């Protein structure tokens, strides 16, 4: 049976930068939600949200570091995430 090839469309640098900014904003939203959930967590969920917060913070730090290396200007700290 013949399987159709998928065509890979290469995106330009501007589109990659937009995706990076979108990923940072999404990570900020997820981190804020995890912090809120941690405040109300009970029993085993406390550990779950603590690990989730640590993982999301690491992801956010990485994405921001990449943005800085690419010299992408954006005010990530004052972004209204929710």
Protein backbone atom coordinates (compact mmCIF):
# COMPACT_ATOMS: atom_id res chain seq x y z
CA UNK A 1 0.00 0.00 0.00
CA UNK A 2 1.27 3.45 -0.90
CA UNK A 3 1.54 5.97 1.94
CA UNK A 4 1.28 9.63 1.02
CA UNK A 5 4.25 11.75 2.06
CA UNK A 6 3.63 14.64 4.39
CA UNK A 7 5.05 17.90 3.18
CA UNK A 8 7.01 19.72 5.85
CA UNK A 9 6.56 23.44 5.61
CA UNK A 10 9.47 25.39 7.01
CA UNK A 11 8.47 28.47 8.96
CA UNK A 12 10.44 31.68 8.91
CA UNK A 13 12.22 33.26 11.88
CA UNK A 14 9.41 35.72 12.60
CA UNK A 15 6.89 32.88 12.89
CA UNK A 16 9.29 30.95 15.16
CA UNK A 17 9.66 34.01 17.37
CA UNK A 18 5.88 34.40 17.58
CA UNK A 19 5.56 30.74 18.56
CA UNK A 20 8.23 31.24 21.23
CA UNK A 21 6.39 34.24 22.67
CA UNK A 22 3.11 32.28 22.61
CA UNK A 23 4.83 29.40 24.43
CA UNK A 24 6.14 31.78 27.10
CA UNK A 25 2.70 33.31 27.64
CA UNK A 26 1.12 29.84 27.83
CA UNK A 27 3.76 28.69 30.34
CA UNK A 28 3.06 31.79 32.45
CA UNK A 29 -0.65 30.98 32.45
CA UNK A 30 0.01 27.34 33.40
CA UNK A 31 2.35 28.41 36.21
CA UNK A 32 -0.18 30.86 37.59
CA UNK A 33 -2.89 28.17 37.54
CA UNK A 34 -0.58 25.68 39.27
CA UNK A 35 0.21 28.22 41.99
CA UNK A 36 -3.49 28.88 42.58
CA UNK A 37 -4.23 25.15 42.69
CA UNK A 38 -1.34 24.64 45.13
CA UNK A 39 -2.88 27.15 47.53
CA UNK A 40 -6.06 25.06 47.75
CA UNK A 41 -4.50 21.60 47.45
CA UNK A 42 -4.91 18.94 50.11
CA UNK A 43 -3.08 15.72 50.93
CA UNK A 44 -1.29 14.11 47.98
CA UNK A 45 -2.12 16.97 45.62
CA UNK A 46 0.25 19.25 47.53
CA UNK A 47 3.23 17.25 46.27
CA UNK A 48 1.77 17.06 42.77
CA UNK A 49 1.38 20.83 42.47
CA UNK A 50 4.78 21.47 44.06
CA UNK A 51 6.44 19.32 41.39
CA UNK A 52 4.29 20.87 38.67
CA UNK A 53 5.26 24.38 39.76
CA UNK A 54 8.95 23.43 39.75
CA UNK A 55 8.68 21.89 36.27
CA UNK A 56 6.72 24.81 34.83
CA UNK A 57 9.15 27.32 36.33
CA UNK A 58 12.06 25.45 34.73
CA UNK A 59 10.25 25.44 31.39
CA UNK A 60 9.49 29.16 31.64
CA UNK A 61 13.10 29.98 32.59
CA UNK A 62 14.33 28.01 29.59
CA UNK A 63 11.94 29.69 27.16
CA UNK A 64 12.81 33.17 28.45
CA UNK A 65 16.52 32.37 28.20
CA UNK A 66 16.03 31.33 24.56
CA UNK A 67 14.08 34.54 23.88
CA UNK A 68 16.86 36.63 25.40
CA UNK A 69 19.48 34.83 23.32
CA UNK A 70 17.44 35.60 20.21
CA UNK A 71 17.10 39.20 21.44
CA UNK A 72 13.32 39.04 21.29
CA UNK A 73 11.88 42.13 22.95
CA UNK A 74 8.74 41.47 24.97
CA UNK A 75 7.60 42.46 28.42
CA UNK A 76 7.03 38.98 29.85
CA UNK A 77 6.94 40.08 33.48
CA UNK A 78 4.00 42.46 33.07
CA UNK A 79 2.00 40.23 30.72
CA UNK A 80 -1.60 39.89 31.85
CA UNK A 81 -1.84 36.11 31.71
CA UNK A 82 -5.36 35.49 32.91
